[in-house]
Structures are given as C-alpha cells and as structure tokens.
Amino acid sequence: MKNIAKIFCLGILFSLYGCGFGEWDVTLYQQKIIGSPKVIYEFSAWGGLDSHKYGFVLMDSTEIFKVNSAQKLPISYLSEIPNKNQIKSIGLKKAVNNDSITLNIVNSENIKNSGIDIKVDYYEGYSGYSDATCLLNEYQFETFKETNDRISFYGLEQNFGNNLKGKSDISFQKGNIKLITDKNGKLFRVEIRELFKNNATKYKYKRGTNEMTEKIMNSPVICIRTYYLIPKTETNESEFSDFGIYKRVW
C-alpha cells in the first residue's frame, strides 16, 4: 500500500513538472516593433520529462517572459515586418490530405493582442516529398546590405543545399530572420525562414524504402525553406538593425 502511495505521489509530481510547475530551460529571441514598446518573442523551452514548449508571443518589453503564462500566437510566418498597428502573418495547419491542398487561404482570423491587430491567414502545409526542396540549405557569405524591408547577402559559397545554386547573391524579406550569436554579439550564422507557396512536383515512395511509386507534376505545395548563412569574416549583431530581425535575449 505504501509503495502504491509513493508511486501515486511521484506521478503527481512528474505531472506538475511536465505541466510547467518545474524549471524551464528557455532560449528566447526578440524582434522589436518600430514605434512600440511591444516585442515579438520567439521561444523554445524544455522542462521536466522532456516537456517542450515553443512558439511566438507578443508582449511588452518591460514585462518578464514566463513560459507558463505566455499566450502563444497562432502564427508560423510573418508576411510583413510588424508595426505598432498591425501584424500580418501566416499560420500553417497540418494538411488533412497532402494530395488535396490548394494555394488558397483556408480561413482567416483577426486577433487583438496587446493593443495590436494581428491578422492570420491559414493555409494547409505540405509535409511530403517534392522538388520545392523545403529543407535546410547552408551557404557562406562575404558581405551583406540591409534596407528597411530586406537583407541582401553577397559572395555566396555553397556548403550544402541547392536552392541558391549558381547564385552569387540573394535577398530576403525581413521579419523571419534570426541572428545566432554568442553573448558578446559575435555572429555564428543568420537563420532565415522563407515561405514556398507554388506548384511543384511531388513524389511518393514505398513506405520504408527509396522506391518511388508516384510522381505528381505541377501540384500545390506550401512549406517553409530554411537557410543558414555563415559569415566568412567576423561579424557582429550590432551591424544589423533591431527591426524585422530576431536577436537573442541573454
């Protein structure tokens, strides 16, 4: 009977820990909003029993971020650089059927959060194989140039991935760009998420093998491409602005 009671108590403790009452190991990035004390946080938090919470949160920069009270935004991607009045975004839902997704908006939602209007357009994301190559690509760059809404990288050299093959420079829309640095601000890499929303060739394979069973041409695909851009020379995060870019909160 005592053993059963001990197991029951341990079960309660583990449950509470996993639900957020224990300590969290949090990685936090923030993107400032022009003309507003609000910021967008991108967070990833690990707790007891491998509990994992992650996502985006809009809150005042003077408030302390807490995992358990964080109100996650239902967004996957920022359509534009946020401003003090509105945030335009995209939410990707898991497709019910990968073969029947479209490039059209499934539904839209308008949310009021911290005094800012948030518009979310929802799409079904494609999770199968295709030549849209929504995988990780890594390149090195020599220099970069930033404008109000874009960042351009020059002198590209391929490490792996073919999305930028043959290109010596590339420009990305700001809003979904994150700087990975050390505590002194030294840049290790720039992480960029790019939305692919177009027709592509889809491939189906026999389960557990590399045997292709079907090839579907010119079919709708919506997914996120990820790029790692590594500086060839020493670069500091202070060389980048605070707007449209996520920087680490230490």
Protein backbone atom coordinates (compact mmCIF):
# COMPACT_ATOMS: atom_id res chain seq x y z
CA MET A 1 0.00 0.00 0.00
CA LYS A 2 2.86 2.36 0.89
CA ASN A 3 4.55 1.62 -2.43
CA ILE A 4 1.36 2.42 -4.31
CA ALA A 5 1.08 5.72 -2.42
CA LYS A 6 4.69 6.60 -3.29
CA ILE A 7 4.12 5.85 -6.97
CA PHE A 8 0.95 7.95 -6.92
CA CYS A 9 2.77 10.91 -5.33
CA LEU A 10 5.65 10.64 -7.79
CA GLY A 11 3.16 10.56 -10.63
CA ILE A 12 1.59 13.80 -9.40
CA LEU A 13 5.00 15.47 -9.08
CA PHE A 14 6.04 14.45 -12.58
CA SER A 15 2.71 15.61 -13.95
CA LEU A 16 3.05 19.01 -12.31
CA TYR A 17 6.62 19.32 -13.54
CA GLY A 18 5.62 18.48 -17.09
CA CYS A 19 2.76 20.97 -16.98
CA GLY A 20 5.07 23.85 -16.23
CA PHE A 21 5.46 23.97 -12.46
CA GLY A 22 9.13 22.97 -12.63
CA GLU A 23 12.14 24.79 -14.04
CA TRP A 24 12.37 25.54 -17.75
CA ASP A 25 15.47 25.80 -19.88
CA VAL A 26 14.46 28.70 -22.15
CA THR A 27 16.01 30.05 -25.34
CA LEU A 28 14.49 33.43 -26.12
CA TYR A 29 14.77 35.73 -29.13
CA GLN A 30 13.06 39.09 -29.57
CA GLN A 31 12.09 41.23 -32.54
CA LYS A 32 11.39 44.87 -31.74
CA ILE A 33 8.46 46.75 -33.28
CA ILE A 34 9.02 50.27 -34.60
CA GLY A 35 7.29 52.92 -32.50
CA SER A 36 6.03 50.45 -29.91
CA PRO A 37 7.20 49.11 -26.52
CA LYS A 38 5.87 45.71 -27.64
CA VAL A 39 8.15 42.97 -28.91
CA ILE A 40 7.62 39.59 -30.56
CA TYR A 41 9.35 36.78 -28.71
CA GLU A 42 10.29 33.51 -30.36
CA PHE A 43 10.89 30.96 -27.61
CA SER A 44 11.83 27.34 -27.13
CA ALA A 45 11.59 25.86 -23.61
CA TRP A 46 12.44 22.42 -22.26
CA GLY A 47 11.09 21.23 -18.91
CA GLY A 48 10.75 18.06 -16.89
CA LEU A 49 10.23 14.71 -18.61
CA ASP A 50 11.31 16.33 -21.89
CA SER A 51 8.34 18.72 -21.93
CA HIS A 52 8.81 21.09 -24.84
CA LYS A 53 7.00 24.36 -25.49
CA TYR A 54 7.78 26.72 -28.34
CA GLY A 55 6.22 29.44 -30.45
CA PHE A 56 5.73 33.18 -30.77
CA VAL A 57 4.46 35.62 -28.13
CA LEU A 58 3.58 39.32 -28.32
CA MET A 59 4.12 41.27 -25.09
CA ASP A 60 5.52 44.44 -23.56
CA SER A 61 9.30 44.57 -23.44
CA THR A 62 9.16 45.71 -19.79
CA GLU A 63 7.37 42.53 -18.72
CA ILE A 64 9.21 39.38 -17.69
CA PHE A 65 8.69 36.46 -20.05
CA LYS A 66 7.30 33.37 -18.28
CA VAL A 67 6.71 30.10 -20.08
CA ASN A 68 3.63 29.10 -18.09
CA SER A 69 1.77 32.37 -18.65
CA ALA A 70 2.90 33.00 -22.23
CA GLN A 71 -0.02 33.41 -24.64
CA LYS A 72 1.21 31.89 -27.89
CA LEU A 73 0.28 33.46 -31.19
CA PRO A 74 -1.22 31.07 -33.79
CA ILE A 75 1.36 32.06 -36.39
CA SER A 76 4.06 30.24 -38.36
CA TYR A 77 5.41 33.04 -40.53
CA LEU A 78 5.34 36.85 -40.68
CA SER A 79 4.00 38.15 -44.01
CA GLU A 80 5.39 41.63 -43.38
CA ILE A 81 7.58 43.42 -40.88
CA PRO A 82 5.37 44.09 -37.81
CA ASN A 83 4.35 47.66 -36.99
CA LYS A 84 2.71 49.28 -33.97
CA ASN A 85 -0.76 48.96 -35.50
CA GLN A 86 -0.81 45.60 -37.24
CA ILE A 87 0.96 42.28 -37.63
CA LYS A 88 0.23 40.33 -40.81
CA SER A 89 1.04 36.64 -40.56
CA ILE A 90 0.50 33.13 -41.89
CA GLY A 91 -0.48 30.07 -39.90
CA LEU A 92 0.33 26.67 -41.39
CA LYS A 93 -2.02 23.84 -40.49
CA LYS A 94 -1.24 20.17 -41.00
CA ALA A 95 -2.90 19.06 -44.20
CA VAL A 96 -5.69 16.54 -43.81
CA ASN A 97 -4.66 15.12 -47.17
CA ASN A 98 -1.35 16.09 -48.83
CA ASP A 99 -2.89 15.37 -52.24
CA SER A 100 -5.75 17.82 -51.89
CA ILE A 101 -4.15 21.01 -50.54
CA THR A 102 -4.54 24.23 -52.50
CA LEU A 103 -2.64 27.52 -52.66
CA ASN A 104 -5.75 29.29 -51.38
CA ILE A 105 -6.35 30.57 -47.86
CA VAL A 106 -8.26 28.01 -45.79
CA ASN A 107 -9.59 30.67 -43.40
CA SER A 108 -8.51 33.93 -41.77
CA GLU A 109 -8.60 35.24 -38.23
CA ASN A 110 -8.23 38.71 -36.70
CA ILE A 111 -6.90 38.92 -33.16
CA LYS A 112 -6.42 41.89 -30.85
CA ASN A 113 -3.36 41.38 -28.66
CA SER A 114 -1.58 43.98 -26.53
CA GLY A 115 -3.30 46.76 -28.49
CA ILE A 116 -2.09 45.48 -31.88
CA ASP A 117 -4.29 43.93 -34.58
CA ILE A 118 -2.98 40.55 -35.71
CA LYS A 119 -4.23 39.12 -38.98
CA VAL A 120 -3.59 35.41 -39.53
CA ASP A 121 -4.19 33.77 -42.91
CA TYR A 122 -4.27 29.99 -42.55
CA TYR A 123 -3.02 27.56 -45.17
CA GLU A 124 -2.53 23.81 -45.24
CA GLY A 125 1.17 22.99 -45.16
CA TYR A 126 2.56 20.19 -47.34
CA SER A 127 4.59 17.58 -45.43
CA GLY A 128 5.60 15.15 -48.15
CA TYR A 129 8.47 14.97 -50.66
CA SER A 130 8.70 17.45 -53.52
CA ASP A 131 11.15 19.41 -55.64
CA ALA A 132 10.18 22.54 -53.68
CA THR A 133 13.19 21.45 -51.56
CA CYS A 134 11.84 22.76 -48.26
CA LEU A 135 14.91 21.53 -46.43
CA LEU A 136 17.93 23.12 -44.79
CA ASN A 137 20.34 24.97 -47.07
CA GLU A 138 23.68 26.31 -45.82
CA TYR A 139 25.83 28.92 -47.53
CA GLN A 140 28.66 31.26 -46.60
CA PHE A 141 28.57 34.97 -47.42
CA GLU A 142 31.18 37.72 -47.69
CA THR A 143 29.12 40.88 -47.11
CA PHE A 144 25.52 41.95 -46.58
CA LYS A 145 23.38 45.06 -47.03
CA GLU A 146 20.22 45.88 -45.11
CA THR A 147 17.34 48.14 -46.16
CA ASN A 148 14.08 48.91 -44.33
CA ASP A 149 12.40 45.71 -45.51
CA ARG A 150 15.09 43.38 -46.89
CA ILE A 151 18.57 41.97 -46.31
CA SER A 152 20.84 41.07 -49.22
CA PHE A 153 23.86 38.74 -48.96
CA TYR A 154 26.79 38.81 -51.38
CA GLY A 155 29.67 36.50 -52.28
CA LEU A 156 27.72 33.30 -51.61
CA GLU A 157 29.52 29.98 -51.36
CA GLN A 158 27.58 26.74 -51.07
CA ASN A 159 28.09 24.36 -48.13
CA PHE A 160 25.03 22.20 -48.86
CA GLY A 161 21.57 22.57 -50.38
CA ASN A 162 20.73 23.56 -53.95
CA ASN A 163 18.13 26.32 -53.61
CA LEU A 164 20.69 29.05 -54.29
CA LYS A 165 22.87 27.04 -56.65
CA GLY A 166 24.65 29.27 -59.16
CA LYS A 167 23.75 32.49 -57.32
CA SER A 168 26.39 34.86 -56.01
CA ASP A 169 23.89 37.00 -54.09
CA ILE A 170 20.40 36.70 -52.64
CA SER A 171 17.84 39.00 -50.99
CA PHE A 172 15.35 38.02 -48.28
CA GLN A 173 12.33 39.79 -46.85
CA LYS A 174 12.84 40.81 -43.21
CA GLY A 175 10.56 39.51 -40.47
CA ASN A 176 11.63 35.87 -40.39
CA ILE A 177 15.35 36.38 -39.86
CA LYS A 178 17.21 35.33 -36.70
CA LEU A 179 20.79 36.02 -35.61
CA ILE A 180 22.66 33.23 -33.82
CA THR A 181 25.43 34.80 -31.75
CA ASP A 182 27.49 34.38 -28.60
CA LYS A 183 26.98 36.57 -25.52
CA ASN A 184 29.36 39.16 -26.92
CA GLY A 185 27.34 39.52 -30.10
CA LYS A 186 29.71 37.65 -32.40
CA LEU A 187 27.67 36.23 -35.26
CA PHE A 188 27.81 32.48 -35.87
CA ARG A 189 25.10 32.38 -38.53
CA VAL A 190 21.96 34.03 -39.85
CA GLU A 191 18.90 31.76 -39.84
CA ILE A 192 16.26 32.62 -42.42
CA ARG A 193 12.83 31.10 -42.97
CA GLU A 194 11.30 31.53 -46.41
CA LEU A 195 7.75 30.59 -47.37
CA PHE A 196 7.35 28.49 -50.52
CA LYS A 197 3.81 28.73 -51.94
CA ASN A 198 3.65 27.50 -55.51
CA ASN A 199 3.19 24.46 -57.71
CA ALA A 200 5.90 21.80 -57.64
CA THR A 201 6.48 18.15 -58.46
CA LYS A 202 5.50 15.78 -55.65
CA TYR A 203 6.99 12.33 -55.09
CA LYS A 204 5.56 9.32 -53.29
CA TYR A 205 7.69 6.44 -52.05
CA LYS A 206 7.02 2.94 -50.88
CA ARG A 207 7.00 3.07 -47.10
CA GLY A 208 10.39 2.47 -45.54
CA THR A 209 12.18 2.44 -48.90
CA ASN A 210 13.53 4.81 -51.53
CA GLU A 211 11.37 3.20 -54.21
CA MET A 212 9.27 5.91 -55.87
CA THR A 213 5.68 4.83 -56.54
CA GLU A 214 4.19 8.03 -57.96
CA LYS A 215 5.24 11.36 -59.42
CA ILE A 216 2.70 14.19 -59.47
CA MET A 217 3.57 17.15 -61.68
CA ASN A 218 2.55 20.77 -61.13
CA SER A 219 0.83 20.20 -57.79
CA PRO A 220 0.29 22.79 -55.00
CA VAL A 221 2.93 22.89 -52.26
CA ILE A 222 3.16 25.19 -49.24
CA CYS A 223 6.12 24.76 -46.90
CA ILE A 224 8.96 26.58 -45.17
CA ARG A 225 12.50 26.68 -46.51
CA THR A 226 15.31 27.24 -44.01
CA TYR A 227 18.66 28.84 -44.79
CA TYR A 228 21.80 29.07 -42.67
CA LEU A 229 24.09 31.86 -43.86
CA ILE A 230 27.57 31.77 -42.32
CA PRO A 231 29.77 34.91 -42.36
CA LYS A 232 33.22 34.42 -43.92
CA THR A 233 34.63 37.26 -41.84
CA GLU A 234 33.98 38.32 -38.24
CA THR A 235 30.60 40.00 -38.00
CA ASN A 236 28.70 41.41 -35.00
CA GLU A 237 24.95 41.57 -34.41
CA SER A 238 25.27 45.33 -33.79
CA GLU A 239 25.79 45.68 -37.55
CA PHE A 240 22.13 44.67 -38.01
CA SER A 241 19.08 46.70 -37.04
CA ASP A 242 16.59 45.58 -34.39
CA PHE A 243 13.55 45.63 -36.69
CA GLY A 244 12.42 42.68 -38.74
CA ILE A 245 15.16 40.63 -37.10
CA TYR A 246 15.19 38.33 -34.05
CA LYS A 247 18.09 38.76 -31.63
CA ARG A 248 18.95 36.59 -28.63
CA VAL A 249 17.84 37.68 -25.16
CA TRP A 250 20.53 36.56 -22.70
